[in-house]
Every structure is written in C-alpha cells, then in structure tokens.
Amino acid sequence: MKHLDRPFLVAITGGIASGKSVVSKWFEEQSFSVFYADKIGHELFEDKYYLNKIEDIFGKEIIINGSVDRIKLGEIIFNAADKRKQLNELLHPEIRKRMQQIIDTSTNEILVFEIPLLFENGLQNAFDLTINISTRNEIRIKRIMKKNKITEDAAQKRINSQMSEIDKQNLVDMNISNESNIKELYLRLHKLLPLIKKIKKKDIKKITEI
C-alpha cells in the first residue's frame, strides 16, 4: 500500500498511434484514476483568453462558430514547427498547473497521467514510474492513415514531429510493446499491475517546478 503523503504517480507516454490511449483506458477499467494531458489542453480551447491567443497565432480561420477547428489546427502544427512551438508555449504552463492541482488535491494512492510529450517537455522527473507504449513505425503509419484519412507522407510527418522511439525507450522506466493484438497487450498490462504496487516512490519534482 502506498503512503498517503502524496499519490504514487505514473506517466504513460508513447508516439502518435502507439496505442497509449488504449493502455490508459485499460487502467481506467482497473479502477485507477487516469487523467489526460491532451484533454486538459482541449479544455483550454473553450476559454476565451486562450481562444483569442490561438486566433492571434493561427489567424481567424482557425476559429469556427466560436470553437477551435482541431482538424485544421492539427494539419498546421504537424507541418510547421514554429507554430507548434508557439502553441505549446501558450498551453503547456496552464496544463502543468492543472495537473499539479489534481495531484495536490487527490486522496488516491495511485494517479495515472497520459502525457504524449512527456520527454519532449522534460516532465519525466515529476513521476515515480514512466511507461512508454512502443509500436513499429510501419504499424503506426497505417493506423494514422486509416484514422485521419491522410497520405503515407503526411503520416510520417506526424511521427517525425515527435521524439524518436529509440530515444523514448532509452529514457523510460518501463517499455511495453504493442505490436500484436489487444489480447496480448492486456496480458502484458495485467503482469504489470503487481509490479506497480511494489515500486517505491522516487524523490520527484513538482510538475510546476520543471
């Protein structure tokens, strides 16, 4: 049983189309409290302050009926590193703040966060356990093409916009392969549960301090 001075903090990450959200949903089904950095970011799209700032960066055409056109936004940021950087610099400080509020007010023994850009933003030192979901490039490309109805080149650009799989595997505490079927993935995750309960807390930093 974990100490109650603060929750044991687990971060799930992985490249685009690696299956990290499938893993996060599985943790939810096991009655863990799971929070999604991207969902927190999308909540900011409903805030007038951030809507205005996003319009300043991307132009009026990015706002449709008072909401951010997320499909158009995705097309831009995956093809323009400078715009992607501007968006991240706008949203990430507030996302970190809200994540830290969740941690500070939680009475749960374990909290799980899905953070796609965990290592890109240097947040790994705020968690007791980091888990990377790993999938071969060709599998990810097929998944992206099918989901977003885009070309192979466009799918590869999205993958290239993120840290390489090898770099993530070298930085992560634990790597889980997701290259076969959902049943195999779930079997790996079930084996992980007893290990999580045995892992001791690290001397970590607050997310807002990183």
N, C-alpha and C. Protein backbone atom coordinates (compact mmCIF):
# COMPACT_ATOMS: atom_id res chain seq x y z
N MET A 1 0.85 -1.20 0.00
CA MET A 1 0.00 0.00 0.00
C MET A 1 0.88 1.24 0.00
N LYS A 2 0.56 2.20 -0.87
CA LYS A 2 1.36 3.41 -0.98
C LYS A 2 1.08 4.35 0.19
N HIS A 3 2.08 5.14 0.52
CA HIS A 3 1.89 6.16 1.54
C HIS A 3 0.93 7.22 1.03
N LEU A 4 0.23 7.88 1.97
CA LEU A 4 -0.79 8.84 1.57
C LEU A 4 -0.30 10.28 1.62
N ASP A 5 1.02 10.50 1.79
CA ASP A 5 1.50 11.89 1.77
C ASP A 5 1.32 12.51 0.40
N ARG A 6 1.42 11.70 -0.63
CA ARG A 6 1.09 12.10 -2.00
C ARG A 6 0.84 10.82 -2.78
N PRO A 7 0.12 10.90 -3.89
CA PRO A 7 -0.11 9.70 -4.69
C PRO A 7 1.17 9.20 -5.33
N PHE A 8 1.21 7.91 -5.62
CA PHE A 8 2.25 7.34 -6.48
C PHE A 8 1.88 7.74 -7.90
N LEU A 9 2.81 8.35 -8.62
CA LEU A 9 2.50 8.98 -9.90
C LEU A 9 3.06 8.18 -11.07
N VAL A 10 2.16 7.79 -11.97
CA VAL A 10 2.52 7.01 -13.15
C VAL A 10 2.25 7.85 -14.39
N ALA A 11 3.22 7.92 -15.29
CA ALA A 11 3.04 8.61 -16.56
C ALA A 11 3.09 7.61 -17.70
N ILE A 12 2.06 7.65 -18.55
CA ILE A 12 2.02 6.82 -19.75
C ILE A 12 2.29 7.70 -20.96
N THR A 13 3.24 7.31 -21.78
CA THR A 13 3.56 8.07 -22.96
C THR A 13 3.77 7.13 -24.14
N GLY A 14 4.09 7.70 -25.28
CA GLY A 14 4.29 6.91 -26.49
C GLY A 14 4.08 7.80 -27.69
N GLY A 15 4.62 7.39 -28.81
CA GLY A 15 4.45 8.17 -30.02
C GLY A 15 3.02 8.14 -30.51
N ILE A 16 2.72 9.02 -31.45
CA ILE A 16 1.39 9.06 -32.04
C ILE A 16 1.05 7.68 -32.63
N ALA A 17 -0.17 7.21 -32.36
CA ALA A 17 -0.68 5.92 -32.86
C ALA A 17 0.06 4.72 -32.28
N SER A 18 0.67 4.89 -31.13
CA SER A 18 1.35 3.75 -30.47
C SER A 18 0.37 2.88 -29.68
N GLY A 19 -0.77 3.45 -29.31
CA GLY A 19 -1.75 2.73 -28.51
C GLY A 19 -1.77 3.15 -27.06
N LYS A 20 -1.18 4.30 -26.74
CA LYS A 20 -1.12 4.74 -25.34
C LYS A 20 -2.50 5.00 -24.76
N SER A 21 -3.43 5.49 -25.58
CA SER A 21 -4.78 5.74 -25.06
C SER A 21 -5.53 4.45 -24.76
N VAL A 22 -5.24 3.41 -25.53
CA VAL A 22 -5.82 2.09 -25.23
C VAL A 22 -5.33 1.61 -23.87
N VAL A 23 -4.06 1.82 -23.61
CA VAL A 23 -3.48 1.44 -22.32
C VAL A 23 -4.07 2.28 -21.20
N SER A 24 -4.22 3.57 -21.44
CA SER A 24 -4.80 4.46 -20.42
C SER A 24 -6.23 4.04 -20.08
N LYS A 25 -7.00 3.70 -21.11
CA LYS A 25 -8.39 3.26 -20.88
C LYS A 25 -8.41 1.95 -20.09
N TRP A 26 -7.43 1.09 -20.35
CA TRP A 26 -7.34 -0.16 -19.59
C TRP A 26 -7.12 0.12 -18.11
N PHE A 27 -6.26 1.09 -17.81
CA PHE A 27 -6.03 1.46 -16.42
C PHE A 27 -7.32 2.00 -15.79
N GLU A 28 -8.09 2.75 -16.55
CA GLU A 28 -9.39 3.22 -16.05
C GLU A 28 -10.29 2.03 -15.70
N GLU A 29 -10.29 1.03 -16.56
CA GLU A 29 -11.13 -0.15 -16.34
C GLU A 29 -10.69 -0.94 -15.11
N GLN A 30 -9.44 -0.76 -14.70
CA GLN A 30 -8.94 -1.40 -13.48
C GLN A 30 -9.17 -0.52 -12.25
N SER A 31 -9.99 0.52 -12.42
CA SER A 31 -10.39 1.44 -11.34
C SER A 31 -9.30 2.42 -10.90
N PHE A 32 -8.32 2.66 -11.76
CA PHE A 32 -7.34 3.71 -11.49
C PHE A 32 -7.91 5.06 -11.94
N SER A 33 -7.49 6.12 -11.27
CA SER A 33 -7.84 7.47 -11.70
C SER A 33 -6.84 7.89 -12.78
N VAL A 34 -7.35 8.14 -13.98
CA VAL A 34 -6.50 8.45 -15.12
C VAL A 34 -6.85 9.84 -15.65
N PHE A 35 -5.82 10.63 -15.92
CA PHE A 35 -6.01 11.98 -16.45
C PHE A 35 -5.18 12.13 -17.72
N TYR A 36 -5.72 12.94 -18.63
CA TYR A 36 -5.13 13.06 -19.98
C TYR A 36 -4.66 14.49 -20.22
N ALA A 37 -3.37 14.66 -20.46
CA ALA A 37 -2.83 15.99 -20.71
C ALA A 37 -3.51 16.63 -21.91
N ASP A 38 -3.76 15.86 -22.96
CA ASP A 38 -4.40 16.42 -24.16
C ASP A 38 -5.81 16.91 -23.86
N LYS A 39 -6.55 16.18 -23.03
CA LYS A 39 -7.92 16.60 -22.70
C LYS A 39 -7.90 17.89 -21.90
N ILE A 40 -6.92 18.01 -21.00
CA ILE A 40 -6.79 19.26 -20.24
C ILE A 40 -6.50 20.40 -21.21
N GLY A 41 -5.63 20.14 -22.19
CA GLY A 41 -5.33 21.15 -23.20
C GLY A 41 -6.55 21.54 -24.01
N HIS A 42 -7.37 20.55 -24.37
CA HIS A 42 -8.57 20.83 -25.16
C HIS A 42 -9.59 21.64 -24.36
N GLU A 43 -9.59 21.47 -23.04
CA GLU A 43 -10.47 22.28 -22.19
C GLU A 43 -10.12 23.76 -22.30
N LEU A 44 -8.86 24.04 -22.52
CA LEU A 44 -8.42 25.44 -22.65
C LEU A 44 -8.96 26.07 -23.93
N PHE A 45 -9.29 25.23 -24.92
CA PHE A 45 -9.86 25.74 -26.17
C PHE A 45 -11.22 26.39 -25.95
N GLU A 46 -11.85 26.09 -24.81
CA GLU A 46 -13.16 26.68 -24.50
C GLU A 46 -13.02 27.98 -23.72
N ASP A 47 -11.81 28.30 -23.34
CA ASP A 47 -11.54 29.51 -22.55
C ASP A 47 -11.32 30.69 -23.49
N LYS A 48 -12.03 31.79 -23.27
CA LYS A 48 -11.96 32.95 -24.16
C LYS A 48 -10.55 33.49 -24.30
N TYR A 49 -9.81 33.51 -23.20
CA TYR A 49 -8.43 34.03 -23.24
C TYR A 49 -7.59 33.22 -24.22
N TYR A 50 -7.66 31.88 -24.10
CA TYR A 50 -6.85 31.03 -24.97
C TYR A 50 -7.36 31.01 -26.40
N LEU A 51 -8.68 31.13 -26.58
CA LEU A 51 -9.24 31.23 -27.94
C LEU A 51 -8.66 32.44 -28.67
N ASN A 52 -8.61 33.56 -27.95
CA ASN A 52 -8.08 34.79 -28.56
C ASN A 52 -6.60 34.64 -28.90
N LYS A 53 -5.84 34.01 -28.00
CA LYS A 53 -4.41 33.83 -28.23
C LYS A 53 -4.16 32.88 -29.41
N ILE A 54 -4.97 31.82 -29.49
CA ILE A 54 -4.84 30.87 -30.61
C ILE A 54 -5.17 31.56 -31.93
N GLU A 55 -6.19 32.41 -31.90
CA GLU A 55 -6.55 33.17 -33.11
C GLU A 55 -5.41 34.09 -33.52
N ASP A 56 -4.74 34.68 -32.54
CA ASP A 56 -3.60 35.56 -32.83
C ASP A 56 -2.47 34.79 -33.53
N ILE A 57 -2.27 33.55 -33.10
CA ILE A 57 -1.17 32.75 -33.65
C ILE A 57 -1.52 32.19 -35.03
N PHE A 58 -2.74 31.67 -35.17
CA PHE A 58 -3.09 30.90 -36.37
C PHE A 58 -4.04 31.63 -37.34
N GLY A 59 -4.56 32.77 -36.91
CA GLY A 59 -5.48 33.50 -37.77
C GLY A 59 -6.94 33.19 -37.49
N LYS A 60 -7.82 34.04 -37.97
CA LYS A 60 -9.26 33.92 -37.69
C LYS A 60 -9.86 32.63 -38.24
N GLU A 61 -9.26 32.10 -39.32
CA GLU A 61 -9.84 30.91 -39.96
C GLU A 61 -9.73 29.66 -39.09
N ILE A 62 -8.94 29.72 -38.02
CA ILE A 62 -8.80 28.55 -37.14
C ILE A 62 -9.99 28.43 -36.18
N ILE A 63 -10.79 29.51 -36.07
CA ILE A 63 -11.96 29.51 -35.20
C ILE A 63 -13.22 29.39 -36.04
N ILE A 64 -14.02 28.37 -35.77
CA ILE A 64 -15.28 28.16 -36.47
C ILE A 64 -16.41 28.08 -35.46
N ASN A 65 -17.38 28.98 -35.59
CA ASN A 65 -18.52 29.03 -34.67
C ASN A 65 -18.07 29.10 -33.20
N GLY A 66 -17.03 29.88 -32.97
CA GLY A 66 -16.58 30.09 -31.60
C GLY A 66 -15.72 28.99 -31.02
N SER A 67 -15.35 27.99 -31.85
CA SER A 67 -14.54 26.88 -31.37
C SER A 67 -13.33 26.67 -32.27
N VAL A 68 -12.27 26.10 -31.70
CA VAL A 68 -11.07 25.82 -32.48
C VAL A 68 -11.33 24.66 -33.44
N ASP A 69 -10.98 24.84 -34.69
CA ASP A 69 -11.05 23.76 -35.68
C ASP A 69 -9.83 22.86 -35.45
N ARG A 70 -10.02 21.80 -34.67
CA ARG A 70 -8.89 20.96 -34.25
C ARG A 70 -8.27 20.19 -35.41
N ILE A 71 -9.06 19.86 -36.43
CA ILE A 71 -8.51 19.17 -37.59
C ILE A 71 -7.55 20.09 -38.34
N LYS A 72 -7.99 21.32 -38.57
CA LYS A 72 -7.14 22.29 -39.25
C LYS A 72 -5.92 22.63 -38.40
N LEU A 73 -6.13 22.74 -37.09
CA LEU A 73 -5.02 23.03 -36.18
C LEU A 73 -3.97 21.93 -36.24
N GLY A 74 -4.42 20.68 -36.25
CA GLY A 74 -3.50 19.55 -36.34
C GLY A 74 -2.70 19.57 -37.63
N GLU A 75 -3.35 19.89 -38.74
CA GLU A 75 -2.65 19.96 -40.02
C GLU A 75 -1.54 21.00 -39.99
N ILE A 76 -1.80 22.11 -39.32
CA ILE A 76 -0.81 23.19 -39.26
C ILE A 76 0.36 22.81 -38.37
N ILE A 77 0.07 22.36 -37.15
CA ILE A 77 1.17 22.16 -36.20
C ILE A 77 2.06 20.98 -36.56
N PHE A 78 1.53 20.00 -37.28
CA PHE A 78 2.36 18.89 -37.70
C PHE A 78 3.25 19.23 -38.90
N ASN A 79 2.98 20.40 -39.50
CA ASN A 79 3.76 20.81 -40.67
C ASN A 79 4.57 22.09 -40.45
N ALA A 80 4.37 22.72 -39.30
CA ALA A 80 5.07 23.97 -39.02
C ALA A 80 5.59 23.96 -37.58
N ALA A 81 6.89 23.69 -37.44
CA ALA A 81 7.49 23.57 -36.12
C ALA A 81 7.38 24.86 -35.31
N ASP A 82 7.46 26.01 -35.97
CA ASP A 82 7.38 27.28 -35.25
C ASP A 82 5.99 27.50 -34.65
N LYS A 83 4.95 27.14 -35.40
CA LYS A 83 3.59 27.28 -34.89
C LYS A 83 3.33 26.28 -33.76
N ARG A 84 3.86 25.08 -33.92
CA ARG A 84 3.72 24.07 -32.88
C ARG A 84 4.37 24.55 -31.58
N LYS A 85 5.53 25.16 -31.71
CA LYS A 85 6.25 25.69 -30.54
C LYS A 85 5.45 26.81 -29.87
N GLN A 86 4.88 27.69 -30.66
CA GLN A 86 4.08 28.78 -30.11
C GLN A 86 2.86 28.25 -29.35
N LEU A 87 2.20 27.24 -29.92
CA LEU A 87 1.02 26.67 -29.26
C LEU A 87 1.42 26.01 -27.95
N ASN A 88 2.51 25.25 -27.97
CA ASN A 88 2.97 24.58 -26.76
C ASN A 88 3.34 25.59 -25.67
N GLU A 89 4.00 26.66 -26.06
CA GLU A 89 4.39 27.68 -25.08
C GLU A 89 3.18 28.38 -24.48
N LEU A 90 2.11 28.45 -25.25
CA LEU A 90 0.87 29.06 -24.76
C LEU A 90 0.14 28.14 -23.77
N LEU A 91 -0.01 26.88 -24.15
CA LEU A 91 -0.87 25.96 -23.39
C LEU A 91 -0.17 25.23 -22.25
N HIS A 92 1.07 24.84 -22.44
CA HIS A 92 1.71 23.91 -21.51
C HIS A 92 1.86 24.43 -20.08
N PRO A 93 2.16 25.72 -19.86
CA PRO A 93 2.23 26.17 -18.46
C PRO A 93 0.92 25.97 -17.70
N GLU A 94 -0.21 26.24 -18.35
CA GLU A 94 -1.50 26.07 -17.69
C GLU A 94 -1.85 24.59 -17.54
N ILE A 95 -1.48 23.77 -18.53
CA ILE A 95 -1.71 22.33 -18.40
C ILE A 95 -0.94 21.78 -17.21
N ARG A 96 0.32 22.19 -17.05
CA ARG A 96 1.13 21.75 -15.91
C ARG A 96 0.50 22.18 -14.59
N LYS A 97 0.03 23.41 -14.56
CA LYS A 97 -0.60 23.93 -13.34
C LYS A 97 -1.81 23.09 -12.95
N ARG A 98 -2.64 22.77 -13.92
CA ARG A 98 -3.86 21.99 -13.64
C ARG A 98 -3.53 20.55 -13.24
N MET A 99 -2.50 19.98 -13.85
CA MET A 99 -2.08 18.64 -13.47
C MET A 99 -1.57 18.63 -12.03
N GLN A 100 -0.82 19.65 -11.65
CA GLN A 100 -0.31 19.73 -10.29
C GLN A 100 -1.45 19.90 -9.29
N GLN A 101 -2.48 20.65 -9.66
CA GLN A 101 -3.65 20.81 -8.80
C GLN A 101 -4.35 19.47 -8.57
N ILE A 102 -4.43 18.66 -9.62
CA ILE A 102 -5.02 17.32 -9.49
C ILE A 102 -4.23 16.50 -8.47
N ILE A 103 -2.91 16.54 -8.59
CA ILE A 103 -2.05 15.77 -7.68
C ILE A 103 -2.18 16.27 -6.25
N ASP A 104 -2.16 17.59 -6.08
CA ASP A 104 -2.17 18.18 -4.74
C ASP A 104 -3.47 17.94 -3.99
N THR A 105 -4.56 17.78 -4.72
CA THR A 105 -5.87 17.63 -4.07
C THR A 105 -6.37 16.19 -4.04
N SER A 106 -5.60 15.27 -4.61
CA SER A 106 -6.04 13.87 -4.69
C SER A 106 -5.77 13.12 -3.39
N THR A 107 -6.70 12.25 -3.03
CA THR A 107 -6.50 11.34 -1.90
C THR A 107 -6.25 9.91 -2.37
N ASN A 108 -6.11 9.72 -3.67
CA ASN A 108 -5.85 8.39 -4.22
C ASN A 108 -4.43 7.93 -3.93
N GLU A 109 -4.25 6.64 -3.84
CA GLU A 109 -2.92 6.09 -3.63
C GLU A 109 -2.08 6.16 -4.90
N ILE A 110 -2.74 6.00 -6.04
CA ILE A 110 -2.05 5.99 -7.33
C ILE A 110 -2.81 6.87 -8.32
N LEU A 111 -2.08 7.72 -9.04
CA LEU A 111 -2.66 8.51 -10.12
C LEU A 111 -1.92 8.18 -11.41
N VAL A 112 -2.66 8.09 -12.50
CA VAL A 112 -2.08 7.80 -13.81
C VAL A 112 -2.35 8.99 -14.73
N PHE A 113 -1.31 9.44 -15.42
CA PHE A 113 -1.44 10.53 -16.38
C PHE A 113 -0.96 10.05 -17.76
N GLU A 114 -1.77 10.33 -18.77
CA GLU A 114 -1.32 10.08 -20.14
C GLU A 114 -0.74 11.40 -20.67
N ILE A 115 0.55 11.37 -21.01
CA ILE A 115 1.24 12.59 -21.45
C ILE A 115 2.03 12.28 -22.72
N PRO A 116 1.49 12.59 -23.89
CA PRO A 116 2.18 12.27 -25.15
C PRO A 116 3.59 12.87 -25.24
N LEU A 117 3.75 14.10 -24.78
CA LEU A 117 5.04 14.80 -24.89
C LEU A 117 5.78 14.82 -23.56
N LEU A 118 5.75 13.72 -22.87
CA LEU A 118 6.38 13.62 -21.55
C LEU A 118 7.85 13.99 -21.59
N PHE A 119 8.61 13.35 -22.46
CA PHE A 119 10.05 13.57 -22.52
C PHE A 119 10.39 14.85 -23.28
N GLU A 120 9.60 15.18 -24.28
CA GLU A 120 9.84 16.41 -25.02
C GLU A 120 9.78 17.63 -24.10
N ASN A 121 8.93 17.54 -23.08
CA ASN A 121 8.78 18.64 -22.13
C ASN A 121 9.54 18.43 -20.82
N GLY A 122 10.33 17.37 -20.77
CA GLY A 122 11.16 17.13 -19.59
C GLY A 122 10.38 16.85 -18.33
N LEU A 123 9.20 16.25 -18.44
CA LEU A 123 8.34 16.03 -17.28
C LEU A 123 8.58 14.69 -16.59
N GLN A 124 9.48 13.88 -17.13
CA GLN A 124 9.67 12.54 -16.57
C GLN A 124 10.10 12.56 -15.11
N ASN A 125 10.78 13.64 -14.69
CA ASN A 125 11.27 13.72 -13.32
C ASN A 125 10.18 14.09 -12.31
N ALA A 126 8.95 14.24 -12.79
CA ALA A 126 7.82 14.52 -11.91
C ALA A 126 7.01 13.27 -11.60
N PHE A 127 7.50 12.10 -12.06
CA PHE A 127 6.74 10.86 -11.90
C PHE A 127 7.59 9.75 -11.31
N ASP A 128 6.92 8.90 -10.55
CA ASP A 128 7.60 7.76 -9.93
C ASP A 128 7.87 6.65 -10.93
N LEU A 129 6.99 6.53 -11.92
CA LEU A 129 7.13 5.47 -12.93
C LEU A 129 6.70 6.01 -14.28
N THR A 130 7.56 5.88 -15.27
CA THR A 130 7.22 6.27 -16.64
C THR A 130 7.13 5.03 -17.51
N ILE A 131 6.05 4.96 -18.28
CA ILE A 131 5.79 3.79 -19.14
C ILE A 131 5.64 4.27 -20.57
N ASN A 132 6.42 3.70 -21.46
CA ASN A 132 6.32 4.02 -22.88
C ASN A 132 5.63 2.88 -23.63
N ILE A 133 4.65 3.22 -24.45
CA ILE A 133 3.99 2.23 -25.30
C ILE A 133 4.67 2.29 -26.67
N SER A 134 5.21 1.17 -27.08
CA SER A 134 6.08 1.11 -28.25
C SER A 134 5.46 0.31 -29.38
N THR A 135 5.51 0.89 -30.59
CA THR A 135 4.98 0.22 -31.77
C THR A 135 5.86 0.55 -32.97
N ARG A 136 6.08 -0.43 -33.85
CA ARG A 136 6.91 -0.21 -35.03
C ARG A 136 6.34 0.90 -35.91
N ASN A 137 7.24 1.58 -36.59
CA ASN A 137 6.89 2.73 -37.42
C ASN A 137 5.85 2.38 -38.48
N GLU A 138 6.01 1.25 -39.15
CA GLU A 138 5.09 0.92 -40.24
C GLU A 138 3.67 0.66 -39.74
N ILE A 139 3.55 0.14 -38.53
CA ILE A 139 2.23 -0.09 -37.93
C ILE A 139 1.58 1.25 -37.60
N ARG A 140 2.36 2.15 -37.04
CA ARG A 140 1.85 3.47 -36.67
C ARG A 140 1.39 4.24 -37.90
N ILE A 141 2.16 4.15 -38.97
CA ILE A 141 1.78 4.84 -40.20
C ILE A 141 0.43 4.36 -40.70
N LYS A 142 0.23 3.05 -40.72
CA LYS A 142 -1.05 2.50 -41.18
C LYS A 142 -2.21 2.98 -40.30
N ARG A 143 -1.98 3.01 -38.98
CA ARG A 143 -3.03 3.46 -38.06
C ARG A 143 -3.37 4.92 -38.30
N ILE A 144 -2.34 5.75 -38.48
CA ILE A 144 -2.57 7.19 -38.70
C ILE A 144 -3.30 7.43 -40.01
N MET A 145 -2.88 6.73 -41.07
CA MET A 145 -3.52 6.88 -42.37
C MET A 145 -5.00 6.50 -42.31
N LYS A 146 -5.29 5.42 -41.62
CA LYS A 146 -6.67 4.95 -41.51
C LYS A 146 -7.52 5.90 -40.69
N LYS A 147 -6.99 6.33 -39.56
CA LYS A 147 -7.77 7.19 -38.65
C LYS A 147 -8.00 8.57 -39.23
N ASN A 148 -6.95 9.18 -39.83
CA ASN A 148 -7.03 10.56 -40.27
C ASN A 148 -7.26 10.73 -41.77
N LYS A 149 -7.28 9.56 -42.48
CA LYS A 149 -7.52 9.58 -43.93
C LYS A 149 -6.51 10.51 -44.63
N ILE A 150 -5.23 10.28 -44.34
CA ILE A 150 -4.16 11.08 -44.93
C ILE A 150 -3.16 10.17 -45.63
N THR A 151 -2.25 10.77 -46.37
CA THR A 151 -1.26 10.01 -47.13
C THR A 151 -0.17 9.46 -46.21
N GLU A 152 0.61 8.53 -46.77
CA GLU A 152 1.72 7.96 -46.01
C GLU A 152 2.74 9.04 -45.64
N ASP A 153 3.02 9.95 -46.57
CA ASP A 153 3.96 11.03 -46.29
C ASP A 153 3.48 11.93 -45.15
N ALA A 154 2.19 12.24 -45.17
CA ALA A 154 1.62 13.08 -44.11
C ALA A 154 1.68 12.37 -42.76
N ALA A 155 1.43 11.07 -42.78
CA ALA A 155 1.50 10.29 -41.54
C ALA A 155 2.92 10.27 -40.99
N GLN A 156 3.89 10.12 -41.88
CA GLN A 156 5.29 10.10 -41.46
C GLN A 156 5.71 11.45 -40.88
N LYS A 157 5.19 12.54 -41.44
CA LYS A 157 5.49 13.87 -40.91
C LYS A 157 5.03 13.99 -39.46
N ARG A 158 3.87 13.42 -39.16
CA ARG A 158 3.36 13.49 -37.79
C ARG A 158 4.26 12.71 -36.84
N ILE A 159 4.74 11.58 -37.30
CA ILE A 159 5.65 10.79 -36.49
C ILE A 159 6.97 11.54 -36.30
N ASN A 160 7.46 12.15 -37.36
CA ASN A 160 8.74 12.86 -37.30
C ASN A 160 8.70 14.10 -36.42
N SER A 161 7.48 14.60 -36.14
CA SER A 161 7.36 15.81 -35.32
C SER A 161 7.62 15.51 -33.84
N GLN A 162 7.68 14.23 -33.49
CA GLN A 162 7.87 13.82 -32.10
C GLN A 162 9.24 13.17 -31.91
N MET A 163 9.60 13.00 -30.65
CA MET A 163 10.86 12.34 -30.31
C MET A 163 10.89 10.92 -30.88
N SER A 164 12.07 10.46 -31.24
CA SER A 164 12.19 9.13 -31.83
C SER A 164 11.88 8.04 -30.80
N GLU A 165 11.42 6.91 -31.32
CA GLU A 165 11.07 5.78 -30.46
C GLU A 165 12.27 5.29 -29.67
N ILE A 166 13.43 5.25 -30.29
CA ILE A 166 14.65 4.78 -29.61
C ILE A 166 14.98 5.68 -28.43
N ASP A 167 14.88 6.99 -28.63
CA ASP A 167 15.19 7.93 -27.55
C ASP A 167 14.23 7.74 -26.37
N LYS A 168 12.95 7.52 -26.66
CA LYS A 168 11.98 7.32 -25.60
C LYS A 168 12.28 6.04 -24.82
N GLN A 169 12.63 4.99 -25.54
CA GLN A 169 12.92 3.73 -24.87
C GLN A 169 14.15 3.83 -23.97
N ASN A 170 15.07 4.69 -24.33
CA ASN A 170 16.28 4.87 -23.51
C ASN A 170 16.00 5.70 -22.26
N LEU A 171 14.94 6.51 -22.28
CA LEU A 171 14.65 7.39 -21.16
C LEU A 171 13.61 6.82 -20.20
N VAL A 172 12.79 5.92 -20.69
CA VAL A 172 11.64 5.45 -19.92
C VAL A 172 12.05 4.43 -18.84
N ASP A 173 11.22 4.33 -17.81
CA ASP A 173 11.44 3.31 -16.78
C ASP A 173 11.03 1.92 -17.27
N MET A 174 9.95 1.90 -18.06
CA MET A 174 9.39 0.62 -18.49
C MET A 174 8.82 0.77 -19.90
N ASN A 175 9.12 -0.17 -20.76
CA ASN A 175 8.62 -0.14 -22.13
C ASN A 175 7.67 -1.32 -22.37
N ILE A 176 6.52 -1.03 -22.97
CA ILE A 176 5.54 -2.08 -23.27
C ILE A 176 5.30 -2.11 -24.77
N SER A 177 5.54 -3.25 -25.37
CA SER A 177 5.35 -3.40 -26.81
C SER A 177 3.87 -3.60 -27.14
N ASN A 178 3.42 -2.91 -28.19
CA ASN A 178 2.04 -3.03 -28.64
C ASN A 178 2.05 -3.26 -30.15
N GLU A 179 2.47 -4.45 -30.54
CA GLU A 179 2.65 -4.73 -31.97
C GLU A 179 1.86 -5.95 -32.44
N SER A 180 1.12 -6.59 -31.56
CA SER A 180 0.36 -7.77 -32.00
C SER A 180 -1.14 -7.47 -31.93
N ASN A 181 -1.82 -8.00 -30.92
CA ASN A 181 -3.26 -7.75 -30.80
C ASN A 181 -3.61 -7.27 -29.39
N ILE A 182 -4.84 -6.86 -29.23
CA ILE A 182 -5.27 -6.26 -27.96
C ILE A 182 -5.18 -7.26 -26.81
N LYS A 183 -5.42 -8.53 -27.11
CA LYS A 183 -5.35 -9.56 -26.07
C LYS A 183 -3.93 -9.68 -25.51
N GLU A 184 -2.95 -9.68 -26.40
CA GLU A 184 -1.54 -9.75 -25.98
C GLU A 184 -1.17 -8.53 -25.15
N LEU A 185 -1.64 -7.36 -25.56
CA LEU A 185 -1.35 -6.13 -24.82
C LEU A 185 -1.93 -6.20 -23.42
N TYR A 186 -3.17 -6.65 -23.31
CA TYR A 186 -3.81 -6.74 -22.00
C TYR A 186 -3.09 -7.73 -21.08
N LEU A 187 -2.59 -8.81 -21.65
CA LEU A 187 -1.83 -9.77 -20.85
C LEU A 187 -0.57 -9.12 -20.26
N ARG A 188 0.11 -8.32 -21.07
CA ARG A 188 1.30 -7.62 -20.59
C ARG A 188 0.93 -6.63 -19.48
N LEU A 189 -0.19 -5.96 -19.64
CA LEU A 189 -0.60 -4.98 -18.65
C LEU A 189 -1.00 -5.64 -17.33
N HIS A 190 -1.66 -6.78 -17.41
CA HIS A 190 -2.04 -7.50 -16.18
C HIS A 190 -0.80 -7.92 -15.39
N LYS A 191 0.26 -8.28 -16.10
CA LYS A 191 1.51 -8.65 -15.43
C LYS A 191 2.18 -7.45 -14.78
N LEU A 192 1.86 -6.26 -15.29
CA LEU A 192 2.46 -5.04 -14.78
C LEU A 192 1.88 -4.61 -13.44
N LEU A 193 0.60 -4.91 -13.20
CA LEU A 193 -0.08 -4.43 -12.00
C LEU A 193 0.63 -4.76 -10.70
N PRO A 194 1.01 -6.01 -10.46
CA PRO A 194 1.70 -6.32 -9.20
C PRO A 194 3.02 -5.57 -9.04
N LEU A 195 3.70 -5.31 -10.16
CA LEU A 195 4.97 -4.60 -10.12
C LEU A 195 4.79 -3.16 -9.67
N ILE A 196 3.74 -2.51 -10.17
CA ILE A 196 3.49 -1.12 -9.81
C ILE A 196 3.32 -0.97 -8.30
N LYS A 197 2.63 -1.92 -7.70
CA LYS A 197 2.35 -1.83 -6.27
C LYS A 197 3.60 -2.05 -5.42
N LYS A 198 4.64 -2.61 -6.03
CA LYS A 198 5.88 -2.87 -5.29
C LYS A 198 6.93 -1.77 -5.48
N ILE A 199 6.74 -0.94 -6.50
CA ILE A 199 7.74 0.09 -6.81
C ILE A 199 7.68 1.20 -5.78
N LYS A 200 8.83 1.60 -5.30
CA LYS A 200 8.89 2.67 -4.30
C LYS A 200 8.86 4.04 -4.98
N LYS A 201 8.41 5.02 -4.21
CA LYS A 201 8.36 6.38 -4.73
C LYS A 201 9.76 6.94 -4.91
N LYS A 202 9.89 7.78 -5.93
CA LYS A 202 11.15 8.47 -6.17
C LYS A 202 11.14 9.82 -5.46
N ASP A 203 12.29 10.44 -5.43
CA ASP A 203 12.39 11.84 -4.98
C ASP A 203 12.13 12.70 -6.21
N ILE A 204 10.88 13.09 -6.40
CA ILE A 204 10.49 13.76 -7.64
C ILE A 204 10.25 15.25 -7.42
N LYS A 205 10.19 15.98 -8.54
CA LYS A 205 9.89 17.41 -8.51
C LYS A 205 8.41 17.60 -8.84
N LYS A 206 7.87 18.73 -8.41
CA LYS A 206 6.53 19.10 -8.83
C LYS A 206 6.54 19.45 -10.32
N ILE A 207 5.43 19.16 -10.98
CA ILE A 207 5.34 19.44 -12.40
C ILE A 207 5.57 20.92 -12.68
N THR A 208 5.06 21.76 -11.80
CA THR A 208 5.18 23.21 -11.99
C THR A 208 6.59 23.71 -11.74
N GLU A 209 7.46 22.87 -11.21
CA GLU A 209 8.83 23.29 -10.94
C GLU A 209 9.77 22.93 -12.10
N ILE A 210 9.26 22.16 -13.04
CA ILE A 210 10.11 21.69 -14.15
C ILE A 210 10.02 22.65 -15.33
